[in-house]
Amino acid sequence: MECELLETCGFFKKYEGSLDLACRGFIKSYCNGDKMDLCARKIHRAEHGQPPHDDMMPSGQDMPKSYQS
């Protein structure tokens, strides 16, 4: 199971190679897992017609500044 938006998802593109356990957990649960339809990024895109900023996590919170590149 894989989200159909992965190729255009700014969060996934930016953080897919991260070694951070939290990032890997979000990707496993939301991008490739059973929380896919609960992804706040996906919901935002559906409601606003455009993706949110790349540092918005699938939970809807912003990635902490210390993790942003």
Protein backbone atom coordinates (compact mmCIF):
# COMPACT_ATOMS: atom_id res chain seq x y z
CA MET A 1 0.00 0.00 0.00
CA GLU A 2 1.42 3.35 -1.03
CA CYS A 3 -0.08 6.83 -1.20
CA GLU A 4 -0.93 7.92 -4.72
CA LEU A 5 0.50 11.39 -4.02
CA LEU A 6 4.04 10.31 -3.08
CA GLU A 7 5.58 11.50 -6.35
CA THR A 8 4.35 15.05 -5.74
CA CYS A 9 4.45 15.17 -1.93
CA GLY A 10 6.96 17.77 -0.73
CA PHE A 11 7.24 16.19 2.74
CA PHE A 12 7.99 12.75 1.34
CA LYS A 13 10.50 14.06 -1.19
CA LYS A 14 12.30 16.13 1.44
CA TYR A 15 12.33 13.62 4.30
CA GLU A 16 12.17 10.15 2.70
CA GLY A 17 15.92 9.66 3.21
CA SER A 18 15.91 10.89 6.79
CA LEU A 19 17.38 8.65 9.43
CA ASP A 20 15.25 10.31 12.11
CA LEU A 21 12.94 7.74 13.70
CA ALA A 22 10.00 10.14 13.86
CA CYS A 23 10.22 10.91 10.12
CA ARG A 24 10.52 7.23 9.31
CA GLY A 25 7.52 6.51 11.51
CA PHE A 26 5.36 9.12 9.79
CA ILE A 27 6.33 7.78 6.37
CA LYS A 28 5.65 4.19 7.41
CA SER A 29 2.26 5.03 8.97
CA TYR A 30 0.93 7.71 6.65
CA CYS A 31 2.72 7.34 3.30
CA ASN A 32 2.87 3.55 3.22
CA GLY A 33 0.45 2.47 5.92
CA ASP A 34 -3.01 2.36 7.38
CA LYS A 35 -3.19 6.07 8.31
CA MET A 36 -2.93 7.12 4.66
CA ASP A 37 -6.45 8.55 4.51
CA LEU A 38 -5.88 10.49 7.75
CA CYS A 39 -2.91 12.40 6.33
CA ALA A 40 -3.37 16.12 7.01
CA ARG A 41 -1.30 16.93 3.91
CA LYS A 42 -3.68 14.94 1.73
CA ILE A 43 -6.71 16.56 3.39
CA HIS A 44 -5.19 20.04 2.95
CA ARG A 45 -4.60 19.38 -0.76
CA ALA A 46 -8.20 18.22 -1.24
CA GLU A 47 -9.62 21.25 0.60
CA HIS A 48 -7.36 23.94 -0.89
CA GLY A 49 -6.49 22.54 -4.31
CA GLN A 50 -2.77 22.77 -3.65
CA PRO A 51 -0.27 21.04 -1.41
CA PRO A 52 0.83 22.52 1.92
CA HIS A 53 4.42 23.63 2.55
CA ASP A 54 7.02 20.85 2.55
CA ASP A 55 7.64 21.00 6.31
CA MET A 56 4.04 20.23 7.28
CA MET A 57 4.03 16.69 8.66
CA PRO A 58 1.26 14.19 7.87
CA SER A 59 -0.07 14.84 11.39
CA GLY A 60 -0.68 18.48 10.47
CA GLN A 61 2.05 19.89 12.70
CA ASP A 62 5.12 21.66 11.37
CA MET A 63 8.42 19.81 11.39
CA PRO A 64 10.57 21.21 14.22
CA LYS A 65 13.03 23.84 12.95
CA SER A 66 15.99 21.73 14.07
CA TYR A 67 15.02 19.03 11.53
CA GLN A 68 14.32 21.35 8.62
CA SER A 69 17.03 21.71 6.03
